[in-house]
Amino acid sequence: MIVSPHFAGKRYAVLGLARSGLATVRALLASGAEVHAWDSREEPRHQVEMQFGGRVTLSDPVTADLTGFAGVVVSPGVPINRHPIGDAARRQGVPLIGDIEIFAQARPSLPPHRVVGVTGTNGKSTTTALVYHLLKEGGVPALMGGNIGLPILGENPLNPNDKGLGVYVLELSSYQIDITERLDCDVAVLLNLTPDHLDRYGSFEAYAGSKARLFGMQAIGHLAVVDHRAEIDHDVLRFSPSGQPFAFIDGVDLPGDQADWPSLQGPHNRANAAAAVAVVRHLGLDEAVIASGLASYRGLPHRMERVAEANGVLFINDSKATNPASTAPALAAFPRQDGPRIHWIVGGLPKGDDLDECAPYFGNVATAYTIGDAGPRFAEILEPHVPVRRSEMMCEAIRQAIEATHPGDVVLLSPACASFDQFRDYEARGDAFRQLVGALLAGENC
């Protein structure tokens, strides 16, 4: 794990004991800190008690005396705009920080290294994983963590090798950036910016300002890789050091032909690839390694994931597309050839009342199959433009699509909605799609 003498003898409260919270507790204890911990659920508290015994004090930082504490480490999932911990920490003059800030403070104790930070409304996980993949292909020591689900504090520190310094590649949500103060990324990336999490921020501009803070933490001379539209419309480099070098993602030259990168299809993945290429070029990878790595990248589950191909029909799980902005590029990835070829499964718990961002690509859709809470509304929107089946449930949508497809068609789950009406999360929805496709192709019922 990542430890540092910087924390020795200091007191910290950790609020939220899921994966990143538990990794933080371990790292701080191993660094010689005094740790208080809390979770609103009894099971994680019991787990901490069993793992760490009397080494951790279980106490709720909202009601505890925080005098002399060096920080309250909160889970990114804690809504600090509404949760009482915000007022409690401010009242007692204790900073609210996250595990990424603990990593940032530990950096002087680590072997020489570099850090890449990737943020944006959509595409963060794919780009983070692609940067990591390209570095590994080039023999550069690398670790991936952050919002992608791997707590960075739980990883062993990287050491340089003859291919270069170790690189920590971090996916960063706006929630994580909000509770980070000192993360100086050697390369910071903002992929795109569309309205999201407005319940947390109150306005799109406040959300954009949160993303912009990533560049404000960079030292002079470190690279910013930025979406041109986000900079023009929202001044996301507003906090950057004067004279900071930057690259616009749409100005990056790509090696080779995107058609040769099977897991990076569509305009959104072209942008993701361009951002990743800008990063690794800056870190010294040569063009042959980059070109080979783009072709060998196999992608992440639930993000344009090819789950099956049968009778010339491709089945794609894009369950991670939880809003229309992230579904639009998936529809664009399969343009008309001799006619529309996408059988689009769409719907769930809507984040809005329209599909405007998908509208330019309705011509690529052979049939839409609407499911979930958004199904009736989405059917009304789509019926003037494409044939629609009001399927309601995913199994029925897949069954209907299989019956209607021809060789060369694509059955695409890209819901443009959250999953919580019918599934625990987007991963459970994608897993269900994968399993149902397998069962129905095998002639089973669902």
Protein backbone atom coordinates (compact mmCIF):
# COMPACT_ATOMS: atom_id res chain seq x y z
CA MET A 1 0.00 0.00 0.00
CA ILE A 2 1.00 3.64 -0.27
CA VAL A 3 2.26 5.04 3.05
CA SER A 4 4.14 8.15 4.15
CA PRO A 5 5.76 9.48 7.32
CA HIS A 6 3.89 12.72 6.54
CA PHE A 7 0.85 11.29 8.37
CA ALA A 8 2.66 9.94 11.44
CA GLY A 9 1.27 11.25 14.71
CA LYS A 10 -1.63 13.09 13.03
CA ARG A 11 -5.32 12.43 13.58
CA TYR A 12 -7.80 11.79 10.80
CA ALA A 13 -11.48 10.93 10.63
CA VAL A 14 -12.60 8.70 7.74
CA LEU A 15 -16.29 8.96 6.77
CA GLY A 16 -17.54 6.23 4.44
CA LEU A 17 -16.06 2.73 4.66
CA ALA A 18 -16.46 1.25 1.20
CA ARG A 19 -13.38 0.29 -0.83
CA SER A 20 -11.63 3.67 -0.89
CA GLY A 21 -12.49 4.34 2.76
CA LEU A 22 -11.08 1.02 3.95
CA ALA A 23 -7.93 1.53 1.86
CA THR A 24 -7.53 4.98 3.44
CA VAL A 25 -7.87 3.55 6.95
CA ARG A 26 -5.20 0.95 6.21
CA ALA A 27 -2.80 3.43 4.64
CA LEU A 28 -3.13 5.98 7.44
CA LEU A 29 -2.69 3.35 10.16
CA ALA A 30 0.37 1.96 8.41
CA SER A 31 1.73 5.51 8.21
CA GLY A 32 1.48 5.97 11.96
CA ALA A 33 -1.66 8.12 12.06
CA GLU A 34 -4.45 8.00 14.64
CA VAL A 35 -7.65 7.06 12.81
CA HIS A 36 -11.30 7.57 13.69
CA ALA A 37 -13.78 5.99 11.27
CA TRP A 38 -17.50 5.92 10.62
CA ASP A 39 -20.14 4.68 8.21
CA SER A 40 -23.91 5.06 8.50
CA ARG A 41 -24.24 1.31 7.89
CA GLU A 42 -23.56 -1.13 10.68
CA GLU A 43 -21.89 -3.81 8.53
CA PRO A 44 -18.86 -1.70 7.45
CA ARG A 45 -18.37 -0.52 11.02
CA HIS A 46 -18.34 -4.13 12.17
CA GLN A 47 -15.84 -4.98 9.42
CA VAL A 48 -13.48 -2.23 10.63
CA GLU A 49 -13.83 -3.44 14.19
CA MET A 50 -12.97 -7.00 13.14
CA GLN A 51 -10.03 -6.00 10.92
CA PHE A 52 -8.41 -3.32 13.03
CA GLY A 53 -9.68 -3.92 16.56
CA GLY A 54 -8.76 -1.18 18.99
CA ARG A 55 -6.44 0.53 16.48
CA VAL A 56 -9.40 2.46 15.05
CA THR A 57 -11.88 4.54 17.05
CA LEU A 58 -15.42 4.26 15.75
CA SER A 59 -17.03 7.69 16.05
CA ASP A 60 -19.28 9.83 13.87
CA PRO A 61 -17.29 12.93 12.84
CA VAL A 62 -20.52 14.93 12.55
CA THR A 63 -20.94 14.85 16.34
CA ALA A 64 -17.32 14.24 17.42
CA ASP A 65 -14.88 16.80 18.74
CA LEU A 66 -12.52 17.31 15.79
CA THR A 67 -10.15 19.67 17.55
CA GLY A 68 -6.62 19.04 16.32
CA PHE A 69 -7.61 16.71 13.47
CA ALA A 70 -5.57 17.05 10.27
CA GLY A 71 -8.57 16.24 8.10
CA VAL A 72 -11.87 14.45 7.58
CA VAL A 73 -11.44 12.00 4.69
CA VAL A 74 -14.87 11.64 3.10
CA SER A 75 -16.00 9.16 0.48
CA PRO A 76 -16.72 10.83 -2.89
CA GLY A 77 -20.25 9.46 -2.57
CA VAL A 78 -20.97 11.63 0.49
CA PRO A 79 -22.99 14.63 -0.79
CA ILE A 80 -20.94 17.33 0.93
CA ASN A 81 -23.36 20.04 -0.26
CA ARG A 82 -26.13 18.47 1.86
CA HIS A 83 -24.44 16.25 4.44
CA PRO A 84 -23.96 17.76 7.92
CA ILE A 85 -20.26 16.86 7.86
CA GLY A 86 -19.66 19.98 5.79
CA ASP A 87 -20.92 22.32 8.50
CA ALA A 88 -19.28 20.29 11.27
CA ALA A 89 -15.86 20.42 9.61
CA ARG A 90 -16.10 24.12 8.75
CA ARG A 91 -17.23 24.98 12.28
CA GLN A 92 -14.18 23.27 13.74
CA GLY A 93 -11.72 24.43 11.08
CA VAL A 94 -10.90 20.94 9.78
CA PRO A 95 -10.46 20.39 6.03
CA LEU A 96 -12.69 17.97 4.12
CA ILE A 97 -10.43 15.85 1.89
CA GLY A 98 -10.55 12.58 -0.04
CA ASP A 99 -8.29 9.61 -0.61
CA ILE A 100 -6.86 11.29 -3.72
CA GLU A 101 -5.68 14.15 -1.51
CA ILE A 102 -4.07 11.64 0.86
CA PHE A 103 -2.26 10.21 -2.18
CA ALA A 104 -1.20 13.73 -3.24
CA GLN A 105 0.24 14.43 0.22
CA ALA A 106 2.08 11.08 0.21
CA ARG A 107 3.77 11.71 -3.16
CA PRO A 108 7.04 13.22 -1.79
CA SER A 109 7.66 9.90 0.00
CA LEU A 110 7.22 7.80 -3.16
CA PRO A 111 9.92 6.84 -5.68
CA PRO A 112 10.18 9.29 -8.62
CA HIS A 113 7.03 9.08 -10.70
CA ARG A 114 4.46 10.93 -12.78
CA VAL A 115 0.71 11.33 -12.42
CA VAL A 116 -1.95 11.49 -15.13
CA GLY A 117 -5.41 12.71 -14.09
CA VAL A 118 -8.40 12.09 -16.38
CA THR A 119 -11.78 13.76 -15.90
CA GLY A 120 -14.82 14.66 -18.03
CA THR A 121 -18.53 13.92 -18.08
CA ASN A 122 -18.16 10.88 -20.33
CA GLY A 123 -15.32 8.61 -21.41
CA LYS A 124 -13.19 8.82 -18.26
CA SER A 125 -12.90 5.10 -17.62
CA THR A 126 -12.15 4.19 -21.24
CA THR A 127 -9.48 6.87 -21.55
CA THR A 128 -7.91 6.02 -18.20
CA ALA A 129 -7.78 2.33 -19.10
CA LEU A 130 -6.42 3.13 -22.56
CA VAL A 131 -3.59 5.31 -21.19
CA TYR A 132 -2.73 2.54 -18.74
CA HIS A 133 -2.81 -0.07 -21.52
CA LEU A 134 -0.56 1.98 -23.81
CA LEU A 135 1.97 2.56 -21.02
CA LYS A 136 2.04 -1.15 -20.19
CA GLU A 137 2.46 -2.00 -23.88
CA GLY A 138 5.45 0.35 -23.86
CA GLY A 139 6.98 -1.35 -20.82
CA VAL A 140 6.47 1.69 -18.57
CA PRO A 141 5.57 0.85 -14.94
CA ALA A 142 1.97 1.99 -14.44
CA LEU A 143 -0.93 1.75 -12.02
CA MET A 144 -4.57 2.64 -12.60
CA GLY A 145 -6.94 3.82 -9.89
CA GLY A 146 -9.37 6.39 -8.57
CA ASN A 147 -12.95 6.58 -9.79
CA ILE A 148 -12.43 3.52 -11.97
CA GLY A 149 -12.94 1.49 -8.79
CA LEU A 150 -9.41 0.68 -7.67
CA PRO A 151 -8.38 2.64 -4.54
CA ILE A 152 -4.97 4.07 -5.31
CA LEU A 153 -3.88 3.95 -1.66
CA GLY A 154 -4.20 0.16 -1.71
CA GLU A 155 -1.60 -0.21 -4.46
CA ASN A 156 2.11 -0.79 -3.93
CA PRO A 157 4.29 2.17 -4.98
CA LEU A 158 5.79 2.11 -8.46
CA ASN A 159 9.51 2.08 -9.15
CA PRO A 160 11.19 3.48 -12.28
CA ASN A 161 12.70 1.11 -14.83
CA ASP A 162 14.78 1.54 -17.96
CA LYS A 163 11.57 2.49 -19.84
CA GLY A 164 10.92 5.48 -17.62
CA LEU A 165 9.37 6.67 -14.40
CA GLY A 166 6.34 4.92 -12.93
CA VAL A 167 3.03 6.53 -13.92
CA TYR A 168 -0.10 6.65 -11.74
CA VAL A 169 -3.14 6.97 -14.03
CA LEU A 170 -6.12 8.30 -12.09
CA GLU A 171 -9.73 8.57 -13.21
CA LEU A 172 -11.16 11.55 -11.33
CA SER A 173 -14.80 12.45 -10.87
CA SER A 174 -15.84 15.98 -10.03
CA TYR A 175 -16.73 14.70 -6.55
CA GLN A 176 -13.11 13.58 -6.06
CA ILE A 177 -11.71 16.84 -7.42
CA ASP A 178 -13.92 18.78 -4.97
CA ILE A 179 -12.11 17.21 -2.00
CA THR A 180 -8.59 17.38 -3.44
CA GLU A 181 -6.27 20.35 -2.91
CA ARG A 182 -2.73 19.39 -3.96
CA LEU A 183 -2.84 16.90 -6.83
CA ASP A 184 -0.30 18.28 -9.30
CA CYS A 185 -0.81 16.14 -12.41
CA ASP A 186 2.05 15.94 -14.89
CA VAL A 187 -0.73 15.61 -17.46
CA ALA A 188 -4.34 16.56 -16.68
CA VAL A 189 -7.13 15.69 -19.12
CA LEU A 190 -10.65 17.07 -19.51
CA LEU A 191 -12.43 14.98 -22.14
CA ASN A 192 -15.76 16.78 -22.45
CA LEU A 193 -18.34 18.69 -20.45
CA THR A 194 -22.11 18.23 -20.54
CA PRO A 195 -24.72 18.85 -17.80
CA ASP A 196 -24.53 16.20 -15.07
CA HIS A 197 -24.81 15.94 -11.27
CA LEU A 198 -26.76 19.19 -11.14
CA ASP A 199 -28.44 18.03 -7.93
CA ARG A 200 -24.99 18.25 -6.34
CA TYR A 201 -23.84 21.52 -7.90
CA GLY A 202 -26.98 23.55 -8.49
CA SER A 203 -25.82 24.81 -11.88
CA PHE A 204 -23.84 23.69 -14.91
CA GLU A 205 -21.32 26.48 -14.34
CA ALA A 206 -20.62 25.25 -10.81
CA TYR A 207 -20.09 21.74 -12.18
CA ALA A 208 -17.72 23.11 -14.84
CA GLY A 209 -15.85 25.03 -12.14
CA SER A 210 -15.31 21.81 -10.21
CA LYS A 211 -13.70 20.18 -13.25
CA ALA A 212 -11.59 23.29 -13.88
CA ARG A 213 -9.93 22.94 -10.47
CA LEU A 214 -7.92 19.97 -11.78
CA PHE A 215 -5.89 22.34 -13.97
CA GLY A 216 -5.54 24.89 -11.18
CA MET A 217 -3.62 22.34 -9.11
CA GLN A 218 -0.99 21.82 -11.83
CA ALA A 219 2.49 23.30 -11.59
CA ILE A 220 3.80 25.57 -14.33
CA GLY A 221 5.05 23.51 -17.24
CA HIS A 222 2.76 20.53 -16.76
CA LEU A 223 0.47 19.67 -19.67
CA ALA A 224 -3.29 20.23 -19.92
CA VAL A 225 -5.16 18.15 -22.52
CA VAL A 226 -8.51 19.83 -23.06
CA ASP A 227 -11.72 19.54 -25.03
CA HIS A 228 -11.80 22.62 -27.27
CA ARG A 229 -15.53 23.22 -26.82
CA ALA A 230 -15.28 23.03 -23.03
CA GLU A 231 -12.51 25.65 -23.02
CA ILE A 232 -14.26 27.99 -25.45
CA ASP A 233 -17.66 27.78 -23.75
CA HIS A 234 -16.69 27.39 -20.09
CA ASP A 235 -13.10 28.62 -19.68
CA VAL A 236 -11.99 25.40 -17.99
CA LEU A 237 -8.37 26.60 -17.94
CA ARG A 238 -9.38 29.62 -15.86
CA PHE A 239 -7.39 28.49 -12.81
CA SER A 240 -4.32 27.30 -14.73
CA PRO A 241 -0.86 28.81 -14.17
CA SER A 242 0.01 31.57 -16.62
CA GLY A 243 1.67 30.12 -19.71
CA GLN A 244 0.62 26.54 -18.99
CA PRO A 245 1.15 24.32 -22.08
CA PHE A 246 -2.04 22.74 -23.42
CA ALA A 247 -3.26 20.56 -26.27
CA PHE A 248 -6.76 20.48 -27.73
CA ILE A 249 -8.05 16.93 -28.11
CA ASP A 250 -9.52 17.49 -31.56
CA GLY A 251 -6.13 18.70 -32.81
CA VAL A 252 -4.27 15.47 -31.97
CA ASP A 253 -3.04 13.45 -34.96
CA LEU A 254 -3.79 9.77 -34.57
CA PRO A 255 -1.55 6.98 -35.84
CA GLY A 256 -3.26 4.58 -38.21
CA ASP A 257 -6.92 4.02 -39.03
CA GLN A 258 -9.65 3.90 -36.39
CA ALA A 259 -11.21 0.99 -38.30
CA ASP A 260 -8.26 -1.10 -37.07
CA TRP A 261 -9.11 -0.51 -33.39
CA PRO A 262 -12.07 -2.85 -32.75
CA SER A 263 -12.76 -1.65 -29.19
CA LEU A 264 -12.48 2.05 -30.05
CA GLN A 265 -15.25 2.60 -32.56
CA GLY A 266 -17.38 5.72 -32.80
CA PRO A 267 -16.61 9.45 -32.60
CA HIS A 268 -16.52 9.40 -28.80
CA ASN A 269 -13.83 6.72 -28.82
CA ARG A 270 -11.88 8.66 -31.44
CA ALA A 271 -11.80 11.54 -28.95
CA ASN A 272 -10.87 9.18 -26.11
CA ALA A 273 -8.05 7.77 -28.23
CA ALA A 274 -6.82 11.25 -29.17
CA ALA A 275 -6.66 12.28 -25.51
CA ALA A 276 -4.79 9.10 -24.57
CA VAL A 277 -2.34 9.53 -27.46
CA ALA A 278 -1.62 13.13 -26.39
CA VAL A 279 -0.86 11.87 -22.87
CA VAL A 280 1.48 9.03 -23.79
CA ARG A 281 3.31 11.04 -26.45
CA HIS A 282 4.06 13.62 -23.78
CA LEU A 283 5.33 10.82 -21.55
CA GLY A 284 7.70 9.62 -24.26
CA LEU A 285 6.07 6.59 -25.93
CA ASP A 286 7.08 6.06 -29.55
CA GLU A 287 4.60 5.95 -32.43
CA ALA A 288 4.95 2.23 -33.16
CA VAL A 289 4.05 1.30 -29.58
CA ILE A 290 1.09 3.69 -29.62
CA ALA A 291 -0.26 2.33 -32.92
CA SER A 292 0.09 -1.27 -31.76
CA GLY A 293 -1.52 -0.49 -28.40
CA LEU A 294 -4.57 1.14 -29.96
CA ALA A 295 -5.17 -1.99 -32.02
CA SER A 296 -4.68 -4.38 -29.10
CA TYR A 297 -6.84 -2.50 -26.58
CA ARG A 298 -9.83 -4.62 -25.64
CA GLY A 299 -11.98 -2.12 -23.75
CA LEU A 300 -13.91 -2.18 -20.49
CA PRO A 301 -17.14 -4.02 -19.66
CA HIS A 302 -20.37 -2.14 -20.33
CA ARG A 303 -18.72 0.44 -22.61
CA MET A 304 -19.34 -0.50 -26.24
CA GLU A 305 -18.54 -4.07 -25.20
CA ARG A 306 -18.96 -6.69 -27.91
CA VAL A 307 -20.74 -9.50 -26.09
CA ALA A 308 -21.68 -11.78 -28.99
CA GLU A 309 -21.86 -12.17 -32.74
CA ALA A 310 -24.34 -14.60 -34.27
CA ASN A 311 -25.59 -15.00 -37.82
CA GLY A 312 -23.76 -11.85 -38.83
CA VAL A 313 -25.44 -9.77 -36.08
CA LEU A 314 -23.31 -7.96 -33.50
CA PHE A 315 -24.56 -7.54 -29.91
CA ILE A 316 -23.11 -4.58 -28.01
CA ASN A 317 -23.43 -3.78 -24.31
CA ASP A 318 -23.14 -0.03 -23.74
CA SER A 319 -24.96 -0.03 -20.41
CA LYS A 320 -22.61 2.65 -19.05
CA ALA A 321 -24.34 5.16 -21.36
CA THR A 322 -26.62 6.61 -18.68
CA ASN A 323 -27.54 9.85 -20.44
CA PRO A 324 -28.35 10.89 -24.02
CA ALA A 325 -24.96 12.60 -24.45
CA SER A 326 -23.17 9.30 -23.88
CA THR A 327 -25.58 7.31 -26.07
CA ALA A 328 -25.32 9.65 -29.08
CA PRO A 329 -21.75 8.56 -30.01
CA ALA A 330 -22.79 4.90 -29.79
CA LEU A 331 -25.52 5.53 -32.36
CA ALA A 332 -22.99 7.39 -34.50
CA ALA A 333 -20.55 4.46 -34.37
CA PHE A 334 -22.64 2.38 -36.83
CA PRO A 335 -23.61 4.66 -39.71
CA ARG A 336 -26.02 3.67 -42.45
CA GLN A 337 -24.57 1.60 -45.25
CA ASP A 338 -27.37 0.27 -47.44
CA GLY A 339 -29.88 1.24 -44.75
CA PRO A 340 -30.24 1.72 -40.99
CA ARG A 341 -28.73 -1.19 -39.08
CA ILE A 342 -29.04 -0.46 -35.33
CA HIS A 343 -31.65 -2.19 -33.20
CA TRP A 344 -31.53 0.19 -30.25
CA ILE A 345 -32.60 -0.85 -26.75
CA VAL A 346 -33.22 2.40 -24.89
CA GLY A 347 -34.79 3.43 -21.59
CA GLY A 348 -34.53 3.12 -17.85
CA LEU A 349 -34.70 5.82 -15.20
CA PRO A 350 -34.48 9.07 -17.20
CA LYS A 351 -32.17 11.94 -16.33
CA GLY A 352 -34.16 14.30 -18.54
CA ASP A 353 -37.22 14.53 -20.75
CA ASP A 354 -35.68 14.43 -24.22
CA LEU A 355 -33.31 12.61 -26.56
CA ASP A 356 -32.17 15.73 -28.40
CA GLU A 357 -28.49 14.81 -28.35
CA CYS A 358 -29.29 11.46 -30.01
CA ALA A 359 -31.56 12.97 -32.68
CA PRO A 360 -28.84 13.53 -35.33
CA TYR A 361 -28.29 9.77 -35.44
CA PHE A 362 -31.89 8.52 -35.56
CA GLY A 363 -31.28 7.75 -39.25
CA ASN A 364 -28.90 4.94 -38.19
CA VAL A 365 -31.67 3.20 -36.20
CA ALA A 366 -33.63 0.38 -37.82
CA THR A 367 -35.92 -0.08 -34.79
CA ALA A 368 -35.98 1.26 -31.23
CA TYR A 369 -37.08 -0.98 -28.36
CA THR A 370 -38.14 1.10 -25.35
CA ILE A 371 -37.87 -0.25 -21.80
CA GLY A 372 -38.20 0.91 -18.21
CA ASP A 373 -39.72 4.05 -16.70
CA ALA A 374 -38.64 6.19 -19.64
CA GLY A 375 -40.13 3.77 -22.17
CA PRO A 376 -43.49 5.47 -22.83
CA ARG A 377 -41.99 8.97 -23.11
CA PHE A 378 -39.10 7.83 -25.30
CA ALA A 379 -41.53 5.93 -27.53
CA GLU A 380 -43.49 9.17 -28.08
CA ILE A 381 -40.30 11.01 -29.00
CA LEU A 382 -39.04 8.32 -31.36
CA GLU A 383 -42.20 7.19 -33.16
CA PRO A 384 -42.24 10.11 -35.66
CA HIS A 385 -38.68 9.17 -36.69
CA VAL A 386 -38.11 5.39 -36.41
CA PRO A 387 -40.11 2.19 -35.94
CA VAL A 388 -40.64 1.60 -32.21
CA ARG A 389 -41.46 -1.50 -30.17
CA ARG A 390 -42.71 -0.76 -26.64
CA SER A 391 -40.91 -3.71 -25.09
CA GLU A 392 -40.99 -2.61 -21.41
CA MET A 393 -38.58 -5.34 -20.25
CA MET A 394 -35.07 -6.02 -21.52
CA CYS A 395 -35.65 -9.69 -22.23
CA GLU A 396 -38.57 -8.89 -24.49
CA ALA A 397 -36.55 -6.18 -26.25
CA ILE A 398 -33.69 -8.56 -27.00
CA ARG A 399 -36.06 -11.31 -28.16
CA GLN A 400 -37.86 -8.91 -30.51
CA ALA A 401 -34.56 -7.56 -31.84
CA ILE A 402 -33.18 -11.05 -32.57
CA GLU A 403 -36.33 -11.86 -34.55
CA ALA A 404 -36.01 -8.65 -36.61
CA THR A 405 -32.29 -8.52 -37.36
CA HIS A 406 -30.45 -9.39 -40.58
CA PRO A 407 -26.73 -10.04 -41.19
CA GLY A 408 -24.80 -6.79 -40.76
CA ASP A 409 -27.20 -5.43 -38.12
CA VAL A 410 -26.29 -4.41 -34.59
CA VAL A 411 -28.30 -4.97 -31.41
CA LEU A 412 -27.22 -2.10 -29.19
CA LEU A 413 -28.04 -1.66 -25.51
CA SER A 414 -27.27 2.03 -24.98
CA PRO A 415 -30.04 3.12 -22.62
CA ALA A 416 -29.45 6.90 -22.28
CA CYS A 417 -30.81 6.45 -18.75
CA ALA A 418 -29.83 5.41 -15.27
CA SER A 419 -30.61 1.81 -14.34
CA PHE A 420 -32.26 2.13 -10.97
CA ASP A 421 -35.84 1.50 -12.08
CA GLN A 422 -35.09 -2.17 -12.88
CA PHE A 423 -31.45 -2.85 -11.90
CA ARG A 424 -29.07 -2.23 -9.01
CA ASP A 425 -26.65 -0.29 -11.22
CA TYR A 426 -25.46 -0.04 -14.81
CA GLU A 427 -23.14 -3.02 -14.27
CA ALA A 428 -26.03 -5.28 -13.23
CA ARG A 429 -27.99 -4.06 -16.26
CA GLY A 430 -25.07 -4.84 -18.58
CA ASP A 431 -24.53 -8.24 -16.99
CA ALA A 432 -28.22 -9.02 -17.49
CA PHE A 433 -27.99 -8.03 -21.16
CA ARG A 434 -24.97 -10.27 -21.67
CA GLN A 435 -26.68 -13.23 -19.98
CA LEU A 436 -29.99 -12.75 -21.77
CA VAL A 437 -28.32 -12.50 -25.16
CA GLY A 438 -26.50 -15.76 -24.48
CA ALA A 439 -29.64 -17.51 -23.32
CA LEU A 440 -31.84 -16.32 -26.20
CA LEU A 441 -29.23 -17.15 -28.83
CA ALA A 442 -29.05 -20.65 -27.32
CA GLY A 443 -32.79 -21.05 -27.80
CA GLU A 444 -33.67 -20.69 -24.12
CA ASN A 445 -36.51 -18.62 -22.68
CA CYS A 446 -36.13 -15.74 -20.28
